[in-house]
Amino acid sequence: MTDFKKLTDAEWRARLTPTQYHVLREAGTDRPYGAAYEEFKHEGAGTYVCTGCGATLFTSETKFDARCGWPAFFDVADTNTVTLHRDRSMGMERVEVVCTRCEGHLGHLFEGEGFNTPTDQRYCINATSLRFIPDDPDPIDD
């Protein structure tokens, strides 16, 4: 099994596209309402894993439309797969969401925004940092 925390910068650059590298390794941000976000909105039942290492992060059961331009979830699939850090960059106080396995930047967590969800949390996640695995990858048409 790969120890993703020990990969060199060159190894990450070889594994990821330039956009994925920017988001996951340099804490970049997707442009809102991009093509990957549009795909996200139309994906059915399934699991969202980290693009960098494949760790299970979210499920379609916790995704919702926050109308913010980025994928939104109200909870994680497993609390052990993400790490939260205080982020005081850009002149504001936020909570950064990082993949525990590879330490890739995923996005930010916002709380108390009043969404009608069970947790009143919004994991605002870069679509670039997610790979969707459908529950039924090859449905049979009747």
N, C-alpha and C. Protein backbone atom coordinates (compact mmCIF):
# COMPACT_ATOMS: atom_id res chain seq x y z
N MET A 1 0.84 -1.18 0.00
CA MET A 1 0.00 0.00 0.00
C MET A 1 0.88 1.25 0.00
N THR A 2 0.51 2.22 -0.77
CA THR A 2 1.27 3.45 -0.89
C THR A 2 1.11 4.31 0.36
N ASP A 3 2.21 4.83 0.86
CA ASP A 3 2.16 5.81 1.94
C ASP A 3 2.13 7.17 1.27
N PHE A 4 0.94 7.70 1.06
CA PHE A 4 0.76 8.93 0.31
C PHE A 4 1.42 10.14 0.97
N LYS A 5 1.61 10.08 2.27
CA LYS A 5 2.24 11.20 2.97
C LYS A 5 3.74 11.30 2.67
N LYS A 6 4.30 10.24 2.10
CA LYS A 6 5.74 10.23 1.80
C LYS A 6 6.04 10.49 0.32
N LEU A 7 5.01 10.70 -0.50
CA LEU A 7 5.26 10.98 -1.91
C LEU A 7 5.96 12.32 -2.07
N THR A 8 6.88 12.37 -2.99
CA THR A 8 7.59 13.63 -3.27
C THR A 8 6.73 14.53 -4.14
N ASP A 9 7.13 15.77 -4.23
CA ASP A 9 6.43 16.72 -5.09
C ASP A 9 6.40 16.21 -6.53
N ALA A 10 7.52 15.68 -7.00
CA ALA A 10 7.59 15.16 -8.37
C ALA A 10 6.63 13.98 -8.56
N GLU A 11 6.52 13.12 -7.56
CA GLU A 11 5.60 11.98 -7.65
C GLU A 11 4.14 12.46 -7.70
N TRP A 12 3.81 13.47 -6.90
CA TRP A 12 2.45 14.03 -6.94
C TRP A 12 2.18 14.64 -8.31
N ARG A 13 3.13 15.37 -8.85
CA ARG A 13 2.92 16.00 -10.16
C ARG A 13 2.71 14.95 -11.25
N ALA A 14 3.36 13.80 -11.12
CA ALA A 14 3.20 12.72 -12.10
C ALA A 14 1.84 12.02 -11.96
N ARG A 15 1.30 11.99 -10.74
CA ARG A 15 0.03 11.30 -10.47
C ARG A 15 -1.19 12.14 -10.82
N LEU A 16 -1.07 13.45 -10.70
CA LEU A 16 -2.22 14.34 -10.81
C LEU A 16 -2.15 15.23 -12.04
N THR A 17 -3.30 15.69 -12.49
CA THR A 17 -3.33 16.70 -13.55
C THR A 17 -2.86 18.01 -12.92
N PRO A 18 -2.47 18.99 -13.72
CA PRO A 18 -2.07 20.29 -13.15
C PRO A 18 -3.17 20.91 -12.26
N THR A 19 -4.42 20.79 -12.66
CA THR A 19 -5.51 21.36 -11.85
C THR A 19 -5.66 20.59 -10.54
N GLN A 20 -5.63 19.27 -10.60
CA GLN A 20 -5.70 18.47 -9.38
C GLN A 20 -4.55 18.79 -8.45
N TYR A 21 -3.36 18.92 -9.00
CA TYR A 21 -2.19 19.25 -8.19
C TYR A 21 -2.39 20.59 -7.50
N HIS A 22 -2.85 21.59 -8.24
CA HIS A 22 -3.06 22.92 -7.67
C HIS A 22 -4.06 22.88 -6.51
N VAL A 23 -5.15 22.17 -6.68
CA VAL A 23 -6.17 22.11 -5.63
C VAL A 23 -5.69 21.27 -4.45
N LEU A 24 -5.27 20.05 -4.70
CA LEU A 24 -4.94 19.13 -3.62
C LEU A 24 -3.62 19.45 -2.91
N ARG A 25 -2.61 19.85 -3.65
CA ARG A 25 -1.28 20.02 -3.05
C ARG A 25 -0.93 21.47 -2.73
N GLU A 26 -1.61 22.43 -3.40
CA GLU A 26 -1.31 23.84 -3.16
C GLU A 26 -2.49 24.58 -2.53
N ALA A 27 -3.49 23.84 -2.07
CA ALA A 27 -4.69 24.40 -1.45
C ALA A 27 -5.40 25.39 -2.36
N GLY A 28 -5.44 25.04 -3.64
CA GLY A 28 -6.14 25.88 -4.60
C GLY A 28 -7.65 25.70 -4.50
N THR A 29 -8.36 26.44 -5.34
CA THR A 29 -9.82 26.38 -5.35
C THR A 29 -10.32 26.30 -6.78
N ASP A 30 -11.29 25.41 -7.00
CA ASP A 30 -11.96 25.36 -8.29
C ASP A 30 -12.69 26.67 -8.54
N ARG A 31 -12.84 27.00 -9.82
CA ARG A 31 -13.73 28.11 -10.16
C ARG A 31 -15.16 27.66 -9.88
N PRO A 32 -15.98 28.53 -9.33
CA PRO A 32 -17.36 28.12 -9.05
C PRO A 32 -18.12 27.83 -10.35
N TYR A 33 -19.06 26.91 -10.25
CA TYR A 33 -19.96 26.54 -11.35
C TYR A 33 -19.22 25.99 -12.56
N GLY A 34 -18.08 25.35 -12.36
CA GLY A 34 -17.31 24.77 -13.46
C GLY A 34 -17.91 23.46 -13.96
N ALA A 35 -17.28 22.87 -14.95
CA ALA A 35 -17.76 21.65 -15.58
C ALA A 35 -17.85 20.49 -14.58
N ALA A 36 -16.86 20.34 -13.72
CA ALA A 36 -16.88 19.25 -12.74
C ALA A 36 -18.03 19.42 -11.76
N TYR A 37 -18.35 20.66 -11.41
CA TYR A 37 -19.49 20.91 -10.53
C TYR A 37 -20.79 20.55 -11.24
N GLU A 38 -20.89 20.87 -12.51
CA GLU A 38 -22.10 20.52 -13.28
C GLU A 38 -22.28 19.01 -13.33
N GLU A 39 -21.19 18.27 -13.51
CA GLU A 39 -21.26 16.81 -13.48
C GLU A 39 -21.74 16.33 -12.11
N PHE A 40 -21.19 16.90 -11.06
CA PHE A 40 -21.54 16.53 -9.69
C PHE A 40 -23.04 16.63 -9.46
N LYS A 41 -23.64 17.70 -9.95
CA LYS A 41 -25.07 17.92 -9.72
C LYS A 41 -25.93 16.81 -10.32
N HIS A 42 -25.44 16.12 -11.35
CA HIS A 42 -26.24 15.12 -12.05
C HIS A 42 -25.85 13.68 -11.70
N GLU A 43 -24.89 13.51 -10.81
CA GLU A 43 -24.49 12.15 -10.44
C GLU A 43 -25.51 11.55 -9.48
N GLY A 44 -25.78 10.27 -9.67
CA GLY A 44 -26.77 9.58 -8.85
C GLY A 44 -26.17 9.04 -7.56
N ALA A 45 -26.65 7.86 -7.18
CA ALA A 45 -26.20 7.22 -5.94
C ALA A 45 -24.77 6.72 -6.10
N GLY A 46 -23.97 6.96 -5.07
CA GLY A 46 -22.60 6.50 -5.12
C GLY A 46 -21.75 7.10 -4.01
N THR A 47 -20.45 6.94 -4.19
CA THR A 47 -19.46 7.35 -3.20
C THR A 47 -18.48 8.32 -3.84
N TYR A 48 -18.03 9.28 -3.06
CA TYR A 48 -17.03 10.25 -3.52
C TYR A 48 -15.73 9.95 -2.78
N VAL A 49 -14.68 9.72 -3.57
CA VAL A 49 -13.37 9.40 -3.00
C VAL A 49 -12.39 10.51 -3.36
N CYS A 50 -11.30 10.56 -2.64
CA CYS A 50 -10.25 11.54 -2.88
C CYS A 50 -9.56 11.25 -4.21
N THR A 51 -9.42 12.25 -5.05
CA THR A 51 -8.74 12.10 -6.32
C THR A 51 -7.27 11.73 -6.12
N GLY A 52 -6.68 12.20 -5.04
CA GLY A 52 -5.27 11.95 -4.80
C GLY A 52 -4.94 10.54 -4.35
N CYS A 53 -5.80 9.96 -3.49
CA CYS A 53 -5.43 8.67 -2.89
C CYS A 53 -6.55 7.63 -2.88
N GLY A 54 -7.76 8.00 -3.22
CA GLY A 54 -8.86 7.04 -3.25
C GLY A 54 -9.58 6.82 -1.94
N ALA A 55 -9.24 7.57 -0.90
CA ALA A 55 -9.93 7.42 0.39
C ALA A 55 -11.40 7.82 0.24
N THR A 56 -12.28 7.06 0.86
CA THR A 56 -13.71 7.36 0.84
C THR A 56 -13.96 8.59 1.70
N LEU A 57 -14.59 9.61 1.10
CA LEU A 57 -14.81 10.88 1.80
C LEU A 57 -16.28 11.16 2.07
N PHE A 58 -17.12 11.04 1.04
CA PHE A 58 -18.53 11.41 1.15
C PHE A 58 -19.38 10.40 0.39
N THR A 59 -20.69 10.41 0.67
CA THR A 59 -21.63 9.60 -0.10
C THR A 59 -22.68 10.52 -0.69
N SER A 60 -23.34 10.03 -1.72
CA SER A 60 -24.40 10.82 -2.36
C SER A 60 -25.56 11.07 -1.40
N GLU A 61 -25.70 10.26 -0.36
CA GLU A 61 -26.79 10.44 0.60
C GLU A 61 -26.65 11.72 1.41
N THR A 62 -25.43 12.29 1.46
CA THR A 62 -25.24 13.51 2.25
C THR A 62 -24.97 14.73 1.39
N LYS A 63 -25.10 14.59 0.07
CA LYS A 63 -24.88 15.75 -0.78
C LYS A 63 -26.17 16.56 -0.88
N PHE A 64 -26.01 17.87 -1.08
CA PHE A 64 -27.18 18.73 -1.25
C PHE A 64 -26.79 19.93 -2.10
N ASP A 65 -27.79 20.59 -2.63
CA ASP A 65 -27.55 21.74 -3.49
C ASP A 65 -27.53 23.01 -2.64
N ALA A 66 -26.34 23.50 -2.36
CA ALA A 66 -26.19 24.72 -1.56
C ALA A 66 -26.19 25.96 -2.45
N ARG A 67 -26.26 25.75 -3.77
CA ARG A 67 -26.27 26.84 -4.75
C ARG A 67 -25.06 27.77 -4.58
N CYS A 68 -23.93 27.16 -4.27
CA CYS A 68 -22.72 27.95 -4.03
C CYS A 68 -21.69 27.80 -5.15
N GLY A 69 -21.93 26.85 -6.07
CA GLY A 69 -20.99 26.65 -7.17
C GLY A 69 -19.96 25.56 -6.93
N TRP A 70 -19.99 24.94 -5.75
CA TRP A 70 -19.10 23.84 -5.42
C TRP A 70 -19.92 22.71 -4.83
N PRO A 71 -19.45 21.47 -4.94
CA PRO A 71 -20.15 20.37 -4.30
C PRO A 71 -20.30 20.61 -2.80
N ALA A 72 -21.48 20.27 -2.28
CA ALA A 72 -21.76 20.46 -0.85
C ALA A 72 -22.29 19.17 -0.25
N PHE A 73 -21.82 18.88 0.94
CA PHE A 73 -22.26 17.71 1.71
C PHE A 73 -22.53 18.18 3.13
N PHE A 74 -23.48 17.50 3.81
CA PHE A 74 -23.75 17.88 5.19
C PHE A 74 -23.04 16.99 6.20
N ASP A 75 -22.35 15.96 5.71
CA ASP A 75 -21.58 15.10 6.62
C ASP A 75 -20.57 14.29 5.81
N VAL A 76 -19.57 13.77 6.50
CA VAL A 76 -18.55 12.93 5.87
C VAL A 76 -18.96 11.46 5.96
N ALA A 77 -18.38 10.63 5.12
CA ALA A 77 -18.67 9.20 5.16
C ALA A 77 -18.11 8.56 6.42
N ASP A 78 -16.96 9.04 6.86
CA ASP A 78 -16.27 8.49 8.03
C ASP A 78 -15.42 9.61 8.61
N THR A 79 -15.59 9.91 9.87
CA THR A 79 -14.85 11.03 10.48
C THR A 79 -13.34 10.81 10.47
N ASN A 80 -12.90 9.58 10.28
CA ASN A 80 -11.46 9.30 10.25
C ASN A 80 -10.82 9.61 8.91
N THR A 81 -11.60 9.91 7.88
CA THR A 81 -11.02 10.14 6.56
C THR A 81 -10.73 11.60 6.27
N VAL A 82 -11.22 12.50 7.12
CA VAL A 82 -10.91 13.92 6.94
C VAL A 82 -10.35 14.50 8.23
N THR A 83 -9.50 15.48 8.06
CA THR A 83 -8.91 16.22 9.17
C THR A 83 -9.32 17.68 8.99
N LEU A 84 -9.65 18.32 10.08
CA LEU A 84 -10.06 19.72 10.04
C LEU A 84 -8.99 20.60 10.65
N HIS A 85 -8.69 21.72 9.98
CA HIS A 85 -7.68 22.68 10.44
C HIS A 85 -8.27 24.08 10.42
N ARG A 86 -7.92 24.88 11.41
CA ARG A 86 -8.29 26.30 11.37
C ARG A 86 -7.54 26.95 10.22
N ASP A 87 -8.25 27.75 9.44
CA ASP A 87 -7.66 28.43 8.29
C ASP A 87 -7.96 29.91 8.43
N ARG A 88 -6.92 30.68 8.65
CA ARG A 88 -7.08 32.13 8.82
C ARG A 88 -6.57 32.90 7.60
N SER A 89 -6.48 32.22 6.46
CA SER A 89 -6.00 32.87 5.24
C SER A 89 -7.09 33.75 4.64
N MET A 90 -6.71 34.61 3.75
CA MET A 90 -7.61 35.47 3.01
C MET A 90 -8.46 36.39 3.90
N GLY A 91 -7.94 36.70 5.08
CA GLY A 91 -8.60 37.66 5.96
C GLY A 91 -9.87 37.16 6.61
N MET A 92 -10.06 35.86 6.68
CA MET A 92 -11.26 35.32 7.33
C MET A 92 -10.92 34.07 8.11
N GLU A 93 -11.81 33.69 8.99
CA GLU A 93 -11.63 32.48 9.79
C GLU A 93 -12.51 31.39 9.19
N ARG A 94 -11.87 30.30 8.77
CA ARG A 94 -12.60 29.17 8.20
C ARG A 94 -12.02 27.88 8.76
N VAL A 95 -12.64 26.77 8.40
CA VAL A 95 -12.14 25.46 8.77
C VAL A 95 -11.81 24.71 7.49
N GLU A 96 -10.52 24.43 7.29
CA GLU A 96 -10.08 23.70 6.10
C GLU A 96 -10.35 22.21 6.28
N VAL A 97 -10.79 21.56 5.22
CA VAL A 97 -11.03 20.12 5.20
C VAL A 97 -9.92 19.48 4.38
N VAL A 98 -9.20 18.52 5.00
CA VAL A 98 -8.05 17.88 4.39
C VAL A 98 -8.25 16.36 4.43
N CYS A 99 -7.84 15.67 3.37
CA CYS A 99 -7.87 14.22 3.36
C CYS A 99 -6.84 13.70 4.36
N THR A 100 -7.25 12.86 5.27
CA THR A 100 -6.34 12.34 6.29
C THR A 100 -5.26 11.46 5.68
N ARG A 101 -5.60 10.65 4.68
CA ARG A 101 -4.64 9.70 4.11
C ARG A 101 -3.52 10.38 3.34
N CYS A 102 -3.85 11.38 2.51
CA CYS A 102 -2.80 11.97 1.65
C CYS A 102 -2.52 13.45 1.97
N GLU A 103 -3.26 14.00 2.90
CA GLU A 103 -3.12 15.40 3.32
C GLU A 103 -3.44 16.37 2.18
N GLY A 104 -4.29 15.93 1.26
CA GLY A 104 -4.72 16.80 0.17
C GLY A 104 -5.81 17.76 0.60
N HIS A 105 -5.71 19.00 0.13
CA HIS A 105 -6.73 20.02 0.42
C HIS A 105 -8.01 19.66 -0.32
N LEU A 106 -9.13 19.63 0.41
CA LEU A 106 -10.42 19.30 -0.19
C LEU A 106 -11.32 20.50 -0.32
N GLY A 107 -11.32 21.37 0.67
CA GLY A 107 -12.22 22.52 0.68
C GLY A 107 -12.34 23.07 2.08
N HIS A 108 -13.55 23.52 2.43
CA HIS A 108 -13.79 24.12 3.75
C HIS A 108 -15.12 23.67 4.34
N LEU A 109 -15.21 23.73 5.65
CA LEU A 109 -16.42 23.41 6.38
C LEU A 109 -17.01 24.69 6.94
N PHE A 110 -18.30 24.88 6.70
CA PHE A 110 -19.03 26.04 7.22
C PHE A 110 -20.18 25.53 8.08
N GLU A 111 -20.45 26.21 9.18
CA GLU A 111 -21.51 25.79 10.08
C GLU A 111 -22.47 26.95 10.36
N GLY A 112 -23.69 26.57 10.72
CA GLY A 112 -24.66 27.57 11.15
C GLY A 112 -25.19 28.46 10.04
N GLU A 113 -25.22 27.97 8.81
CA GLU A 113 -25.70 28.78 7.70
C GLU A 113 -27.21 28.66 7.49
N GLY A 114 -27.85 27.77 8.23
CA GLY A 114 -29.30 27.65 8.16
C GLY A 114 -29.83 26.73 7.08
N PHE A 115 -28.98 25.87 6.51
CA PHE A 115 -29.48 24.91 5.53
C PHE A 115 -30.35 23.88 6.23
N ASN A 116 -31.36 23.41 5.55
CA ASN A 116 -32.26 22.42 6.11
C ASN A 116 -31.65 21.02 5.97
N THR A 117 -30.60 20.79 6.73
CA THR A 117 -29.90 19.51 6.73
C THR A 117 -29.80 19.02 8.17
N PRO A 118 -29.56 17.74 8.39
CA PRO A 118 -29.49 17.21 9.76
C PRO A 118 -28.37 17.81 10.62
N THR A 119 -27.31 18.31 10.00
CA THR A 119 -26.15 18.77 10.78
C THR A 119 -25.97 20.28 10.79
N ASP A 120 -26.65 21.00 9.91
CA ASP A 120 -26.45 22.44 9.70
C ASP A 120 -24.98 22.74 9.42
N GLN A 121 -24.34 21.81 8.71
CA GLN A 121 -22.96 21.99 8.26
C GLN A 121 -22.94 21.91 6.74
N ARG A 122 -21.97 22.60 6.16
CA ARG A 122 -21.77 22.53 4.71
C ARG A 122 -20.29 22.29 4.45
N TYR A 123 -19.99 21.06 4.02
CA TYR A 123 -18.65 20.75 3.56
C TYR A 123 -18.61 21.23 2.12
N CYS A 124 -17.97 22.35 1.88
CA CYS A 124 -17.86 22.96 0.56
C CYS A 124 -16.57 22.43 -0.06
N ILE A 125 -16.71 21.51 -1.00
CA ILE A 125 -15.58 20.71 -1.47
C ILE A 125 -15.28 20.99 -2.94
N ASN A 126 -14.03 21.13 -3.28
CA ASN A 126 -13.62 21.31 -4.66
C ASN A 126 -13.96 20.05 -5.46
N ALA A 127 -14.68 20.21 -6.56
CA ALA A 127 -15.03 19.07 -7.40
C ALA A 127 -13.79 18.36 -7.92
N THR A 128 -12.73 19.10 -8.16
CA THR A 128 -11.47 18.54 -8.66
C THR A 128 -10.88 17.53 -7.68
N SER A 129 -11.14 17.70 -6.40
CA SER A 129 -10.56 16.81 -5.40
C SER A 129 -11.37 15.53 -5.20
N LEU A 130 -12.50 15.41 -5.92
CA LEU A 130 -13.38 14.26 -5.77
C LEU A 130 -13.42 13.41 -7.04
N ARG A 131 -13.54 12.09 -6.83
CA ARG A 131 -13.82 11.17 -7.93
C ARG A 131 -15.07 10.40 -7.52
N PHE A 132 -16.04 10.34 -8.41
CA PHE A 132 -17.32 9.69 -8.12
C PHE A 132 -17.28 8.23 -8.53
N ILE A 133 -17.73 7.36 -7.63
CA ILE A 133 -17.86 5.94 -7.92
C ILE A 133 -19.34 5.59 -7.76
N PRO A 134 -20.02 5.34 -8.88
CA PRO A 134 -21.46 5.05 -8.78
C PRO A 134 -21.72 3.73 -8.09
N ASP A 135 -22.86 3.64 -7.37
CA ASP A 135 -23.24 2.38 -6.72
C ASP A 135 -23.49 1.31 -7.76
N ASP A 136 -24.10 1.67 -8.87
CA ASP A 136 -24.39 0.74 -9.95
C ASP A 136 -23.71 1.26 -11.20
N PRO A 137 -22.43 0.90 -11.40
CA PRO A 137 -21.67 1.49 -12.50
C PRO A 137 -22.15 1.08 -13.90
N ASP A 138 -22.93 0.02 -13.99
CA ASP A 138 -23.36 -0.46 -15.30
C ASP A 138 -24.82 -0.87 -15.25
N PRO A 139 -25.74 0.10 -15.10
CA PRO A 139 -27.14 -0.27 -14.97
C PRO A 139 -27.66 -0.93 -16.26
N ILE A 140 -28.56 -1.85 -16.07
CA ILE A 140 -29.16 -2.55 -17.20
C ILE A 140 -30.44 -1.81 -17.57
N ASP A 141 -30.54 -1.43 -18.83
CA ASP A 141 -31.74 -0.75 -19.31
C ASP A 141 -32.83 -1.78 -19.57
N ASP A 142 -34.02 -1.49 -19.10
CA ASP A 142 -35.17 -2.39 -19.35
C ASP A 142 -35.98 -1.92 -20.51
